[in-house]
C-alpha atoms as a PDB file:
ATOM      1  CA  MET A   1      19.574 -54.764 -12.791  1.00  0.00           C
ATOM      2  CA  LYS A   2      23.677 -53.749 -12.695  1.00  0.00           C
ATOM      3  CA  LYS A   3      26.247 -53.555 -15.793  1.00  0.00           C
ATOM      4  CA  ALA A   4      29.117 -56.109 -15.306  1.00  0.00           C
ATOM      5  CA  VAL A   5      31.831 -53.231 -16.528  1.00  0.00           C
ATOM      6  CA  LYS A   6      35.255 -55.289 -16.647  1.00  0.00           C
ATOM      7  CA  PRO A   7      37.970 -52.205 -14.568  1.00  0.00           C
ATOM      8  CA  SER A   8      40.246 -50.601 -17.371  1.00  0.00           C
ATOM      9  CA  SER A   9      43.409 -48.218 -16.579  1.00  0.00           C
ATOM     10  CA  ALA A  10      42.060 -46.110 -19.183  1.00  0.00           C
ATOM     11  CA  PRO A  11      39.860 -43.566 -18.153  1.00  0.00           C
ATOM     12  CA  GLY A  12      36.156 -42.699 -19.519  1.00  0.00           C
ATOM     13  CA  SER A  13      36.449 -46.533 -20.701  1.00  0.00           C
ATOM     14  CA  GLU A  14      34.130 -47.531 -18.939  1.00  0.00           C
ATOM     15  CA  VAL A  15      30.976 -45.510 -20.557  1.00  0.00           C
ATOM     16  CA  GLN A  16      32.237 -46.895 -24.008  1.00  0.00           C
ATOM     17  CA  ALA A  17      31.663 -50.150 -22.600  1.00  0.00           C
ATOM     18  CA  PHE A  18      27.910 -49.153 -21.385  1.00  0.00           C
ATOM     19  CA  ALA A  19      27.732 -47.246 -24.450  1.00  0.00           C
ATOM     20  CA  SER A  20      27.719 -49.719 -26.936  1.00  0.00           C
ATOM     21  CA  GLN A  21      25.525 -51.503 -25.498  1.00  0.00           C
ATOM     22  CA  ALA A  22      22.512 -48.810 -25.952  1.00  0.00           C
ATOM     23  CA  ALA A  23      21.400 -50.820 -28.773  1.00  0.00           C
ATOM     24  CA  ARG A  24      19.261 -53.473 -27.002  1.00  0.00           C
ATOM     25  CA  ARG A  25      17.295 -55.735 -29.054  1.00  0.00           C
ATOM     26  CA  LEU A  26      13.526 -56.087 -28.615  1.00  0.00           C
ATOM     27  CA  ASN A  27      10.684 -58.453 -30.350  1.00  0.00           C
ATOM     28  CA  PRO A  28       8.010 -57.236 -31.590  1.00  0.00           C
ATOM     29  CA  LYS A  29       5.409 -59.196 -29.384  1.00  0.00           C
ATOM     30  CA  LYS A  30       6.677 -58.485 -26.551  1.00  0.00           C
ATOM     31  CA  LEU A  31       6.230 -55.184 -26.275  1.00  0.00           C
ATOM     32  CA  LEU A  32       2.677 -54.137 -24.973  1.00  0.00           C
ATOM     33  CA  LEU A  33       2.345 -52.890 -21.484  1.00  0.00           C
ATOM     34  CA  SER A  34       6.044 -52.136 -21.015  1.00  0.00           C
ATOM     35  CA  LYS A  35       6.740 -49.068 -20.056  1.00  0.00           C
ATOM     36  CA  TRP A  36       9.396 -46.217 -21.752  1.00  0.00           C
ATOM     37  CA  THR A  37      11.215 -43.389 -20.314  1.00  0.00           C
ATOM     38  CA  ALA A  38      11.838 -39.919 -23.174  1.00  0.00           C
ATOM     39  CA  ALA A  39      15.930 -39.144 -23.190  1.00  0.00           C
ATOM     40  CA  SER A  40      14.001 -35.377 -23.436  1.00  0.00           C
ATOM     41  CA  PRO A  41      11.161 -35.571 -22.593  1.00  0.00           C
ATOM     42  CA  TYR A  42       7.968 -33.180 -24.493  1.00  0.00           C
ATOM     43  CA  GLY A  43       6.457 -30.996 -22.321  1.00  0.00           C
ATOM     44  CA  LYS A  44       5.341 -32.760 -19.217  1.00  0.00           C
ATOM     45  CA  GLU A  45       5.506 -36.099 -20.825  1.00  0.00           C
ATOM     46  CA  ARG A  46       8.689 -38.905 -19.821  1.00  0.00           C
ATOM     47  CA  HIS A  47       6.407 -41.625 -19.410  1.00  0.00           C
ATOM     48  CA  PHE A  48       5.279 -43.904 -21.894  1.00  0.00           C
ATOM     49  CA  MET A  49       3.526 -47.236 -22.055  1.00  0.00           C
ATOM     50  CA  VAL A  50       2.980 -48.516 -25.349  1.00  0.00           C
ATOM     51  CA  THR A  51      -0.555 -49.699 -24.912  1.00  0.00           C
ATOM     52  CA  GLU A  52      -1.037 -51.471 -28.354  1.00  0.00           C
ATOM     53  CA  VAL A  53       1.055 -54.102 -30.973  1.00  0.00           C
ATOM     54  CA  ILE A  54      -0.898 -53.440 -34.538  1.00  0.00           C
ATOM     55  CA  GLN A  55      -1.021 -56.098 -35.987  1.00  0.00           C
ATOM     56  CA  PRO A  56      -0.842 -55.068 -40.069  1.00  0.00           C
ATOM     57  CA  GLY A  57      -2.431 -56.237 -42.510  1.00  0.00           C
ATOM     58  CA  GLN A  58      -1.952 -60.293 -43.674  1.00  0.00           C
ATOM     59  CA  PRO A  59      -0.014 -62.462 -40.626  1.00  0.00           C
ATOM     60  CA  ALA A  60       2.652 -63.047 -42.538  1.00  0.00           C
ATOM     61  CA  THR A  61       3.937 -59.056 -42.849  1.00  0.00           C
ATOM     62  CA  ARG A  62       6.039 -58.848 -39.587  1.00  0.00           C
ATOM     63  CA  ILE A  63       4.769 -55.787 -36.582  1.00  0.00           C
ATOM     64  CA  GLU A  64       5.957 -52.166 -37.557  1.00  0.00           C
ATOM     65  CA  THR A  65       4.115 -49.691 -35.431  1.00  0.00           C
ATOM     66  CA  ILE A  66       3.494 -49.521 -31.917  1.00  0.00           C
ATOM     67  CA  VAL A  67       0.906 -47.132 -30.213  1.00  0.00           C
ATOM     68  CA  LEU A  68       2.284 -44.882 -26.356  1.00  0.00           C
ATOM     69  CA  GLU A  69       0.494 -43.916 -24.143  1.00  0.00           C
ATOM     70  CA  ALA A  70       1.999 -40.241 -21.769  1.00  0.00           C
ATOM     71  CA  VAL A  71       0.924 -41.556 -18.692  1.00  0.00           C
ATOM     72  CA  TYR A  72       0.353 -37.577 -17.463  1.00  0.00           C
ATOM     73  CA  SER A  73      -1.688 -37.126 -20.392  1.00  0.00           C
ATOM     74  CA  GLY A  74      -3.107 -39.407 -21.649  1.00  0.00           C
ATOM     75  CA  ARG A  75      -1.978 -38.200 -25.031  1.00  0.00           C
ATOM     76  CA  LEU A  76      -1.599 -41.231 -27.732  1.00  0.00           C
ATOM     77  CA  PHE A  77       0.827 -41.147 -30.935  1.00  0.00           C
ATOM     78  CA  SER A  78       2.217 -43.938 -33.354  1.00  0.00           C
ATOM     79  CA  LEU A  79       5.849 -44.850 -34.164  1.00  0.00           C
ATOM     80  CA  SER A  80       7.591 -48.360 -35.271  1.00  0.00           C
ATOM     81  CA  TRP A  81       8.473 -49.782 -32.912  1.00  0.00           C
ATOM     82  CA  ARG A  82      11.411 -49.924 -33.739  1.00  0.00           C
ATOM     83  CA  ASP A  83      12.751 -46.487 -32.846  1.00  0.00           C
ATOM     84  CA  LEU A  84      12.153 -47.691 -28.844  1.00  0.00           C
ATOM     85  CA  SER A  85      16.661 -49.559 -29.600  1.00  0.00           C
ATOM     86  CA  ASP A  86      17.317 -45.886 -29.860  1.00  0.00           C
ATOM     87  CA  GLY A  87      18.573 -45.567 -26.433  1.00  0.00           C
ATOM     88  CA  ARG A  88      19.878 -41.557 -26.909  1.00  0.00           C
ATOM     89  CA  GLN A  89      15.592 -40.941 -27.689  1.00  0.00           C
ATOM     90  CA  TRP A  90      14.292 -43.724 -25.482  1.00  0.00           C
ATOM     91  CA  LEU A  91      14.947 -45.645 -21.890  1.00  0.00           C
ATOM     92  CA  GLN A  92      13.743 -48.766 -21.277  1.00  0.00           C
ATOM     93  CA  GLY A  93      11.417 -48.917 -17.954  1.00  0.00           C
ATOM     94  CA  TRP A  94      10.762 -45.443 -15.638  1.00  0.00           C
ATOM     95  CA  GLN A  95      13.409 -43.770 -14.451  1.00  0.00           C
END
């Protein structure tokens, strides 16, 4: 999927337009089995998959935590699902 960028006479304006879209909107209910790439790899772990969306104890509260599994090593760790929206740390899909 390619991003449409309007041409501009200012050099570097394309980079600014793309960077402004770095904060993506995510739905925690649709994260299960989604694939992610770490912007800076941890050891040899770069590719991850959401293997679990942790449901809160009370049904009226919102989902806060997910479990990521490293594809290479199988290591599991949990983090807030909102951390995935930071484009400096996580890229959507395997790249």
